[in-house]
Amino acid sequence: ANNWIKIFTFLSSEAISELSQKHELNPSARIMQKALANELTLFVHGQEELDKALATTEKLFASQHTTIDSFTEDDLNNIEGIMKQEVDRNKLTMGIDISTLLVENNIFPSKGEAKKMIQNGGVSINRMKIENPQHLVTSEALLHQRFLLIQKGKKIYYLLEAT
C-alpha cells in the first residue's frame, strides 16, 4: 500500500511517512489501505460522498447492533469493503434454501461447510441469524426489493443484488 499511496494520492511525503509509522505499529488496523481508499474516494467523488461512504461503512462494521432498517438503498449501494454480486431474482421468487444460495454465490465452497457455519450461528441475512440450514430465502427477504446483506462469521459481508 505504501507505493500505491505515493502514486495515487497527493499526500505529502511527511503525511505518508506518518501513516507508514502508524501502520507498522498496528498492521491489522489497515491504516495505509484505509488512507488510500479515502484519498481515492475523495479524489473521484468529493468530500460529501467520502463522508457518506465512511459513515455507511462505519454503521456496517463498527456497530453490529445497527438495525437493517437504518440502511437506505443508497447506503447499501455505496458500502465499501464488502463483496458485491448478483443473484437471479427468479430463484428468490421461487424460494431457495440458504445452503444452496451460499454455495451458488461462492460464499461457501460446499453445502456441508455452509451447514456447519449456520449451525454454529455464523450466518446472518439482513442482520438476522439463520439457525436452520434448510431455511428458505425468498424475495420477501430483499431490502428495498433489491438487496440481501449476508454476513459470514464476524466481519465478512456480501451484498447480493437481485437482477
N, C-alpha and C. Protein backbone atom coordinates (compact mmCIF):
# COMPACT_ATOMS: atom_id res chain seq x y z
N ALA A 1 0.83 -1.20 0.00
CA ALA A 1 0.00 0.00 0.00
C ALA A 1 0.87 1.26 0.00
N ASN A 2 2.09 1.13 0.54
CA ASN A 2 2.98 2.29 0.63
C ASN A 2 3.29 2.88 -0.75
N ASN A 3 3.63 2.01 -1.70
CA ASN A 3 3.93 2.51 -3.05
C ASN A 3 2.69 3.09 -3.72
N TRP A 4 1.56 2.42 -3.54
CA TRP A 4 0.32 2.88 -4.16
C TRP A 4 -0.07 4.27 -3.65
N ILE A 5 0.13 4.48 -2.36
CA ILE A 5 -0.28 5.75 -1.77
C ILE A 5 0.58 6.89 -2.34
N LYS A 6 1.84 6.59 -2.68
CA LYS A 6 2.71 7.61 -3.27
C LYS A 6 2.27 7.94 -4.70
N ILE A 7 1.82 6.90 -5.42
CA ILE A 7 1.45 7.07 -6.83
C ILE A 7 0.08 7.71 -6.99
N PHE A 8 -0.88 7.26 -6.18
CA PHE A 8 -2.28 7.62 -6.44
C PHE A 8 -2.85 8.71 -5.54
N THR A 9 -2.03 9.31 -4.72
CA THR A 9 -2.57 10.38 -3.86
C THR A 9 -1.69 11.61 -3.96
N PHE A 10 -2.21 12.70 -3.42
CA PHE A 10 -1.46 13.95 -3.37
C PHE A 10 -0.95 14.22 -1.96
N LEU A 11 -0.87 13.18 -1.14
CA LEU A 11 -0.40 13.36 0.23
C LEU A 11 1.09 13.73 0.24
N SER A 12 1.47 14.57 1.19
CA SER A 12 2.89 14.97 1.30
C SER A 12 3.70 13.77 1.78
N SER A 13 5.02 13.82 1.54
CA SER A 13 5.87 12.71 1.98
C SER A 13 5.85 12.61 3.51
N GLU A 14 5.68 13.76 4.21
CA GLU A 14 5.60 13.73 5.68
C GLU A 14 4.34 12.95 6.11
N ALA A 15 3.23 13.26 5.45
CA ALA A 15 1.97 12.59 5.80
C ALA A 15 2.08 11.08 5.53
N ILE A 16 2.70 10.72 4.41
CA ILE A 16 2.85 9.31 4.06
C ILE A 16 3.76 8.62 5.08
N SER A 17 4.82 9.30 5.47
CA SER A 17 5.76 8.75 6.44
C SER A 17 5.06 8.50 7.79
N GLU A 18 4.23 9.47 8.19
CA GLU A 18 3.49 9.34 9.46
C GLU A 18 2.51 8.16 9.39
N LEU A 19 1.80 8.05 8.26
CA LEU A 19 0.86 6.93 8.07
C LEU A 19 1.61 5.59 8.12
N SER A 20 2.78 5.57 7.49
CA SER A 20 3.58 4.36 7.43
C SER A 20 4.00 3.92 8.83
N GLN A 21 4.40 4.88 9.67
CA GLN A 21 4.80 4.55 11.05
C GLN A 21 3.61 4.00 11.84
N LYS A 22 2.45 4.65 11.69
CA LYS A 22 1.25 4.18 12.40
C LYS A 22 0.88 2.78 11.92
N HIS A 23 1.02 2.56 10.61
CA HIS A 23 0.68 1.27 10.03
C HIS A 23 1.57 0.16 10.62
N GLU A 24 2.87 0.45 10.74
CA GLU A 24 3.80 -0.56 11.26
C GLU A 24 3.52 -0.90 12.71
N LEU A 25 3.02 0.06 13.47
CA LEU A 25 2.69 -0.19 14.88
C LEU A 25 1.49 -1.11 15.02
N ASN A 26 0.57 -1.02 14.05
CA ASN A 26 -0.65 -1.83 14.13
C ASN A 26 -1.14 -2.21 12.73
N PRO A 27 -0.46 -3.17 12.08
CA PRO A 27 -0.81 -3.52 10.69
C PRO A 27 -2.25 -3.99 10.52
N SER A 28 -2.82 -4.63 11.55
CA SER A 28 -4.18 -5.16 11.40
C SER A 28 -5.22 -4.05 11.29
N ALA A 29 -4.87 -2.83 11.69
CA ALA A 29 -5.83 -1.71 11.56
C ALA A 29 -5.93 -1.22 10.11
N ARG A 30 -5.01 -1.70 9.26
CA ARG A 30 -5.04 -1.40 7.82
C ARG A 30 -5.07 0.11 7.56
N ILE A 31 -4.26 0.85 8.29
CA ILE A 31 -4.24 2.32 8.21
C ILE A 31 -3.87 2.79 6.80
N MET A 32 -2.85 2.18 6.21
CA MET A 32 -2.42 2.59 4.86
C MET A 32 -3.53 2.32 3.83
N GLN A 33 -4.13 1.13 3.91
CA GLN A 33 -5.18 0.78 2.95
C GLN A 33 -6.37 1.73 3.06
N LYS A 34 -6.74 2.04 4.32
CA LYS A 34 -7.87 2.94 4.53
C LYS A 34 -7.56 4.35 4.02
N ALA A 35 -6.34 4.80 4.27
CA ALA A 35 -5.95 6.14 3.80
C ALA A 35 -5.99 6.20 2.28
N LEU A 36 -5.50 5.14 1.64
CA LEU A 36 -5.51 5.09 0.17
C LEU A 36 -6.94 5.09 -0.35
N ALA A 37 -7.80 4.27 0.25
CA ALA A 37 -9.21 4.21 -0.17
C ALA A 37 -9.88 5.57 0.01
N ASN A 38 -9.60 6.22 1.15
CA ASN A 38 -10.19 7.53 1.42
C ASN A 38 -9.74 8.57 0.40
N GLU A 39 -8.45 8.60 0.12
CA GLU A 39 -7.92 9.59 -0.82
C GLU A 39 -8.50 9.38 -2.22
N LEU A 40 -8.59 8.11 -2.65
CA LEU A 40 -9.13 7.83 -3.98
C LEU A 40 -10.61 8.19 -4.07
N THR A 41 -11.36 7.85 -3.01
CA THR A 41 -12.80 8.20 -3.00
C THR A 41 -12.97 9.70 -3.02
N LEU A 42 -12.17 10.38 -2.23
CA LEU A 42 -12.22 11.85 -2.17
C LEU A 42 -11.92 12.45 -3.54
N PHE A 43 -10.89 11.92 -4.19
CA PHE A 43 -10.46 12.44 -5.49
C PHE A 43 -11.55 12.21 -6.56
N VAL A 44 -12.13 11.02 -6.55
CA VAL A 44 -13.09 10.67 -7.59
C VAL A 44 -14.48 11.24 -7.31
N HIS A 45 -14.90 11.19 -6.05
CA HIS A 45 -16.30 11.52 -5.73
C HIS A 45 -16.50 12.80 -4.91
N GLY A 46 -15.45 13.32 -4.31
CA GLY A 46 -15.60 14.52 -3.49
C GLY A 46 -15.84 14.21 -2.02
N GLN A 47 -15.72 15.24 -1.18
CA GLN A 47 -15.79 15.09 0.27
C GLN A 47 -17.14 14.54 0.75
N GLU A 48 -18.22 15.04 0.17
CA GLU A 48 -19.55 14.63 0.63
C GLU A 48 -19.76 13.13 0.45
N GLU A 49 -19.37 12.61 -0.73
CA GLU A 49 -19.52 11.18 -0.99
C GLU A 49 -18.59 10.36 -0.10
N LEU A 50 -17.38 10.89 0.14
CA LEU A 50 -16.45 10.19 1.03
C LEU A 50 -17.06 10.09 2.42
N ASP A 51 -17.61 11.19 2.92
CA ASP A 51 -18.22 11.20 4.26
C ASP A 51 -19.36 10.18 4.33
N LYS A 52 -20.18 10.12 3.27
CA LYS A 52 -21.30 9.17 3.25
C LYS A 52 -20.79 7.73 3.26
N ALA A 53 -19.79 7.46 2.43
CA ALA A 53 -19.24 6.10 2.36
C ALA A 53 -18.64 5.68 3.70
N LEU A 54 -17.92 6.61 4.34
CA LEU A 54 -17.32 6.30 5.64
C LEU A 54 -18.39 6.05 6.70
N ALA A 55 -19.42 6.86 6.69
CA ALA A 55 -20.50 6.72 7.68
C ALA A 55 -21.21 5.38 7.50
N THR A 56 -21.48 5.02 6.26
CA THR A 56 -22.18 3.76 5.99
C THR A 56 -21.32 2.57 6.38
N THR A 57 -20.05 2.64 6.01
CA THR A 57 -19.14 1.54 6.32
C THR A 57 -19.00 1.39 7.83
N GLU A 58 -18.91 2.52 8.52
CA GLU A 58 -18.83 2.52 9.99
C GLU A 58 -20.09 1.88 10.58
N LYS A 59 -21.23 2.24 10.03
CA LYS A 59 -22.52 1.72 10.51
C LYS A 59 -22.55 0.20 10.36
N LEU A 60 -21.97 -0.29 9.27
CA LEU A 60 -21.99 -1.73 9.00
C LEU A 60 -21.01 -2.48 9.90
N PHE A 61 -19.76 -2.01 9.94
CA PHE A 61 -18.72 -2.78 10.60
C PHE A 61 -18.59 -2.49 12.09
N ALA A 62 -18.74 -1.23 12.49
CA ALA A 62 -18.46 -0.88 13.88
C ALA A 62 -19.65 -1.15 14.78
N SER A 63 -20.82 -0.81 14.32
CA SER A 63 -21.98 -1.00 15.20
C SER A 63 -22.80 -2.19 14.72
N GLN A 64 -22.43 -3.34 15.23
CA GLN A 64 -23.08 -4.60 14.83
C GLN A 64 -24.57 -4.60 15.17
N HIS A 65 -24.97 -3.69 16.07
CA HIS A 65 -26.36 -3.73 16.51
C HIS A 65 -27.25 -2.74 15.76
N THR A 66 -26.66 -2.03 14.78
CA THR A 66 -27.48 -1.13 13.97
C THR A 66 -28.51 -1.97 13.23
N THR A 67 -29.77 -1.59 13.32
CA THR A 67 -30.78 -2.41 12.65
C THR A 67 -30.69 -2.21 11.14
N ILE A 68 -31.10 -3.22 10.44
CA ILE A 68 -31.01 -3.19 8.99
C ILE A 68 -31.93 -2.11 8.42
N ASP A 69 -32.97 -1.76 9.14
CA ASP A 69 -33.91 -0.73 8.66
C ASP A 69 -33.25 0.63 8.50
N SER A 70 -32.12 0.83 9.21
CA SER A 70 -31.49 2.15 9.14
C SER A 70 -30.65 2.32 7.86
N PHE A 71 -30.51 1.26 7.07
CA PHE A 71 -29.73 1.34 5.83
C PHE A 71 -30.65 1.72 4.67
N THR A 72 -30.36 2.85 4.04
CA THR A 72 -31.14 3.25 2.87
C THR A 72 -30.64 2.48 1.66
N GLU A 73 -31.37 2.59 0.57
CA GLU A 73 -30.94 1.95 -0.67
C GLU A 73 -29.57 2.49 -1.10
N ASP A 74 -29.37 3.81 -0.95
CA ASP A 74 -28.08 4.41 -1.27
C ASP A 74 -26.98 3.87 -0.37
N ASP A 75 -27.27 3.74 0.92
CA ASP A 75 -26.28 3.20 1.86
C ASP A 75 -25.79 1.85 1.35
N LEU A 76 -26.73 0.98 1.04
CA LEU A 76 -26.37 -0.37 0.62
C LEU A 76 -25.59 -0.34 -0.69
N ASN A 77 -26.00 0.53 -1.58
CA ASN A 77 -25.34 0.65 -2.88
C ASN A 77 -23.90 1.13 -2.74
N ASN A 78 -23.65 1.96 -1.72
CA ASN A 78 -22.34 2.62 -1.60
C ASN A 78 -21.41 2.02 -0.57
N ILE A 79 -21.81 0.93 0.06
CA ILE A 79 -20.94 0.33 1.08
C ILE A 79 -19.63 -0.09 0.43
N GLU A 80 -18.54 0.26 1.10
CA GLU A 80 -17.21 -0.14 0.63
C GLU A 80 -16.73 -1.33 1.46
N GLY A 81 -15.82 -2.09 0.90
CA GLY A 81 -15.15 -3.14 1.66
C GLY A 81 -15.96 -4.41 1.84
N ILE A 82 -16.97 -4.61 1.01
CA ILE A 82 -17.68 -5.88 1.07
C ILE A 82 -17.82 -6.43 -0.35
N MET A 83 -18.01 -7.73 -0.43
CA MET A 83 -18.15 -8.39 -1.72
C MET A 83 -19.55 -8.13 -2.26
N LYS A 84 -19.61 -7.72 -3.52
CA LYS A 84 -20.92 -7.46 -4.13
C LYS A 84 -21.09 -8.41 -5.31
N GLN A 85 -22.25 -9.02 -5.38
CA GLN A 85 -22.54 -9.88 -6.53
C GLN A 85 -24.03 -9.91 -6.81
N GLU A 86 -24.36 -10.48 -7.96
CA GLU A 86 -25.76 -10.52 -8.38
C GLU A 86 -26.34 -11.90 -8.12
N VAL A 87 -27.64 -11.92 -7.86
CA VAL A 87 -28.35 -13.18 -7.68
C VAL A 87 -29.59 -13.11 -8.58
N ASP A 88 -29.93 -14.25 -9.15
CA ASP A 88 -31.07 -14.31 -10.06
C ASP A 88 -32.37 -14.11 -9.27
N ARG A 89 -33.09 -13.06 -9.58
CA ARG A 89 -34.33 -12.73 -8.87
C ARG A 89 -35.33 -13.90 -8.93
N ASN A 90 -35.35 -14.63 -10.05
CA ASN A 90 -36.30 -15.75 -10.19
C ASN A 90 -36.09 -16.82 -9.13
N LYS A 91 -34.83 -17.04 -8.76
CA LYS A 91 -34.55 -18.06 -7.73
C LYS A 91 -35.16 -17.63 -6.40
N LEU A 92 -35.13 -16.33 -6.13
CA LEU A 92 -35.71 -15.83 -4.88
C LEU A 92 -37.23 -15.82 -4.94
N THR A 93 -37.76 -15.58 -6.12
CA THR A 93 -39.22 -15.59 -6.28
C THR A 93 -39.74 -16.99 -5.98
N MET A 94 -39.01 -18.00 -6.46
CA MET A 94 -39.42 -19.38 -6.23
C MET A 94 -39.04 -19.84 -4.82
N GLY A 95 -38.02 -19.21 -4.25
CA GLY A 95 -37.51 -19.61 -2.94
C GLY A 95 -36.33 -20.55 -3.11
N ILE A 96 -35.25 -20.29 -2.39
CA ILE A 96 -34.04 -21.10 -2.49
C ILE A 96 -33.54 -21.35 -1.08
N ASP A 97 -33.10 -22.60 -0.80
CA ASP A 97 -32.65 -22.85 0.57
C ASP A 97 -31.31 -22.14 0.79
N ILE A 98 -31.10 -21.73 2.02
CA ILE A 98 -29.95 -20.88 2.36
C ILE A 98 -28.62 -21.53 1.97
N SER A 99 -28.48 -22.84 2.20
CA SER A 99 -27.21 -23.51 1.88
C SER A 99 -26.91 -23.43 0.39
N THR A 100 -27.92 -23.67 -0.45
CA THR A 100 -27.74 -23.59 -1.90
C THR A 100 -27.38 -22.16 -2.31
N LEU A 101 -28.08 -21.19 -1.75
CA LEU A 101 -27.80 -19.78 -2.06
C LEU A 101 -26.35 -19.43 -1.73
N LEU A 102 -25.87 -19.88 -0.57
CA LEU A 102 -24.50 -19.57 -0.13
C LEU A 102 -23.44 -20.23 -1.03
N VAL A 103 -23.71 -21.46 -1.45
CA VAL A 103 -22.75 -22.16 -2.31
C VAL A 103 -22.77 -21.57 -3.73
N GLU A 104 -23.98 -21.32 -4.27
CA GLU A 104 -24.09 -20.79 -5.64
C GLU A 104 -23.45 -19.41 -5.77
N ASN A 105 -23.37 -18.67 -4.66
CA ASN A 105 -22.77 -17.34 -4.71
C ASN A 105 -21.35 -17.32 -4.16
N ASN A 106 -20.74 -18.51 -4.09
CA ASN A 106 -19.33 -18.66 -3.69
C ASN A 106 -19.03 -18.08 -2.31
N ILE A 107 -20.04 -18.09 -1.44
CA ILE A 107 -19.81 -17.63 -0.07
C ILE A 107 -19.22 -18.78 0.74
N PHE A 108 -19.62 -20.00 0.39
CA PHE A 108 -19.02 -21.22 0.96
C PHE A 108 -18.72 -22.17 -0.19
N PRO A 109 -17.64 -22.98 -0.05
CA PRO A 109 -17.29 -23.91 -1.13
C PRO A 109 -18.21 -25.12 -1.21
N SER A 110 -18.88 -25.46 -0.07
CA SER A 110 -19.75 -26.65 -0.10
C SER A 110 -20.94 -26.45 0.84
N LYS A 111 -21.99 -27.23 0.57
CA LYS A 111 -23.18 -27.16 1.44
C LYS A 111 -22.85 -27.63 2.85
N GLY A 112 -21.92 -28.58 2.94
CA GLY A 112 -21.51 -29.09 4.26
C GLY A 112 -20.90 -27.98 5.12
N GLU A 113 -20.01 -27.19 4.51
CA GLU A 113 -19.39 -26.09 5.26
C GLU A 113 -20.42 -25.02 5.61
N ALA A 114 -21.32 -24.73 4.66
CA ALA A 114 -22.37 -23.73 4.91
C ALA A 114 -23.24 -24.21 6.09
N LYS A 115 -23.62 -25.48 6.05
CA LYS A 115 -24.49 -26.03 7.09
C LYS A 115 -23.82 -25.94 8.47
N LYS A 116 -22.52 -26.30 8.51
CA LYS A 116 -21.79 -26.26 9.77
C LYS A 116 -21.75 -24.83 10.33
N MET A 117 -21.47 -23.86 9.47
CA MET A 117 -21.38 -22.46 9.90
C MET A 117 -22.75 -21.95 10.37
N ILE A 118 -23.82 -22.35 9.67
CA ILE A 118 -25.18 -21.95 10.06
C ILE A 118 -25.50 -22.53 11.44
N GLN A 119 -25.19 -23.81 11.63
CA GLN A 119 -25.49 -24.46 12.91
C GLN A 119 -24.68 -23.85 14.07
N ASN A 120 -23.52 -23.29 13.74
CA ASN A 120 -22.70 -22.63 14.76
C ASN A 120 -23.04 -21.15 14.93
N GLY A 121 -24.12 -20.70 14.27
CA GLY A 121 -24.56 -19.32 14.44
C GLY A 121 -23.73 -18.30 13.69
N GLY A 122 -23.03 -18.73 12.64
CA GLY A 122 -22.12 -17.84 11.94
C GLY A 122 -22.65 -17.24 10.65
N VAL A 123 -23.96 -17.36 10.39
CA VAL A 123 -24.51 -16.79 9.16
C VAL A 123 -25.74 -15.95 9.49
N SER A 124 -25.75 -14.72 8.96
CA SER A 124 -26.91 -13.84 9.13
C SER A 124 -27.32 -13.31 7.78
N ILE A 125 -28.62 -13.12 7.62
CA ILE A 125 -29.14 -12.42 6.45
C ILE A 125 -29.85 -11.19 6.97
N ASN A 126 -29.45 -10.04 6.45
CA ASN A 126 -30.05 -8.77 6.88
C ASN A 126 -30.03 -8.62 8.40
N ARG A 127 -28.89 -9.00 8.98
CA ARG A 127 -28.65 -8.89 10.43
C ARG A 127 -29.45 -9.86 11.29
N MET A 128 -30.13 -10.82 10.65
CA MET A 128 -30.88 -11.84 11.42
C MET A 128 -30.12 -13.16 11.30
N LYS A 129 -29.77 -13.76 12.47
CA LYS A 129 -29.07 -15.05 12.45
C LYS A 129 -29.97 -16.12 11.84
N ILE A 130 -29.38 -16.93 10.98
CA ILE A 130 -30.09 -18.06 10.39
C ILE A 130 -29.70 -19.30 11.18
N GLU A 131 -30.69 -20.03 11.68
CA GLU A 131 -30.37 -21.19 12.52
C GLU A 131 -30.65 -22.51 11.83
N ASN A 132 -31.45 -22.49 10.76
CA ASN A 132 -31.84 -23.71 10.08
C ASN A 132 -31.18 -23.78 8.70
N PRO A 133 -30.32 -24.78 8.45
CA PRO A 133 -29.64 -24.91 7.15
C PRO A 133 -30.60 -25.09 5.97
N GLN A 134 -31.86 -25.43 6.26
CA GLN A 134 -32.85 -25.57 5.19
C GLN A 134 -33.72 -24.31 5.05
N HIS A 135 -33.36 -23.26 5.77
CA HIS A 135 -34.12 -22.00 5.74
C HIS A 135 -34.34 -21.58 4.28
N LEU A 136 -35.58 -21.24 3.95
CA LEU A 136 -35.91 -20.83 2.58
C LEU A 136 -35.79 -19.31 2.46
N VAL A 137 -34.97 -18.86 1.54
CA VAL A 137 -34.80 -17.43 1.30
C VAL A 137 -35.68 -17.06 0.11
N THR A 138 -36.56 -16.09 0.29
CA THR A 138 -37.45 -15.68 -0.79
C THR A 138 -37.28 -14.19 -1.06
N SER A 139 -37.95 -13.73 -2.10
CA SER A 139 -37.83 -12.31 -2.45
C SER A 139 -38.39 -11.40 -1.36
N GLU A 140 -39.17 -11.96 -0.43
CA GLU A 140 -39.68 -11.16 0.69
C GLU A 140 -38.53 -10.67 1.58
N ALA A 141 -37.41 -11.38 1.56
CA ALA A 141 -36.26 -11.01 2.39
C ALA A 141 -35.48 -9.83 1.81
N LEU A 142 -35.75 -9.47 0.55
CA LEU A 142 -34.97 -8.42 -0.11
C LEU A 142 -35.18 -7.06 0.56
N LEU A 143 -34.08 -6.37 0.80
CA LEU A 143 -34.13 -5.00 1.31
C LEU A 143 -34.36 -4.07 0.13
N HIS A 144 -35.29 -3.17 0.25
CA HIS A 144 -35.62 -2.24 -0.83
C HIS A 144 -35.90 -2.98 -2.15
N GLN A 145 -36.49 -4.17 -2.02
CA GLN A 145 -36.81 -5.04 -3.15
C GLN A 145 -35.60 -5.35 -4.04
N ARG A 146 -34.37 -5.16 -3.50
CA ARG A 146 -33.17 -5.34 -4.32
C ARG A 146 -32.04 -6.13 -3.68
N PHE A 147 -31.85 -5.99 -2.38
CA PHE A 147 -30.60 -6.47 -1.77
C PHE A 147 -30.80 -7.52 -0.68
N LEU A 148 -29.80 -8.39 -0.55
CA LEU A 148 -29.66 -9.28 0.60
C LEU A 148 -28.28 -9.00 1.18
N LEU A 149 -28.21 -8.68 2.46
CA LEU A 149 -26.94 -8.47 3.13
C LEU A 149 -26.63 -9.73 3.91
N ILE A 150 -25.59 -10.43 3.49
CA ILE A 150 -25.24 -11.70 4.12
C ILE A 150 -23.95 -11.52 4.91
N GLN A 151 -23.98 -11.97 6.15
CA GLN A 151 -22.79 -11.90 6.99
C GLN A 151 -22.32 -13.31 7.28
N LYS A 152 -21.01 -13.52 7.07
CA LYS A 152 -20.38 -14.82 7.32
C LYS A 152 -19.35 -14.59 8.42
N GLY A 153 -19.51 -15.26 9.52
CA GLY A 153 -18.60 -15.03 10.64
C GLY A 153 -18.82 -13.65 11.23
N LYS A 154 -17.76 -13.08 11.82
CA LYS A 154 -17.92 -11.79 12.49
C LYS A 154 -17.84 -10.60 11.54
N LYS A 155 -16.97 -10.68 10.50
CA LYS A 155 -16.70 -9.45 9.75
C LYS A 155 -16.75 -9.58 8.24
N ILE A 156 -17.17 -10.71 7.72
CA ILE A 156 -17.18 -10.86 6.27
C ILE A 156 -18.60 -10.66 5.76
N TYR A 157 -18.77 -9.67 4.90
CA TYR A 157 -20.09 -9.34 4.38
C TYR A 157 -20.15 -9.51 2.88
N TYR A 158 -21.33 -9.90 2.41
CA TYR A 158 -21.62 -9.98 0.99
C TYR A 158 -22.93 -9.24 0.76
N LEU A 159 -22.97 -8.48 -0.32
CA LEU A 159 -24.20 -7.82 -0.69
C LEU A 159 -24.66 -8.43 -2.01
N LEU A 160 -25.79 -9.15 -1.96
CA LEU A 160 -26.32 -9.74 -3.18
C LEU A 160 -27.42 -8.84 -3.71
N GLU A 161 -27.34 -8.55 -4.99
CA GLU A 161 -28.36 -7.73 -5.62
C GLU A 161 -29.17 -8.59 -6.58
N ALA A 162 -30.49 -8.58 -6.39
CA ALA A 162 -31.37 -9.38 -7.25
C ALA A 162 -31.52 -8.69 -8.60
N THR A 163 -31.28 -9.45 -9.68
CA THR A 163 -31.38 -8.88 -11.02
C THR A 163 -32.31 -9.74 -11.88
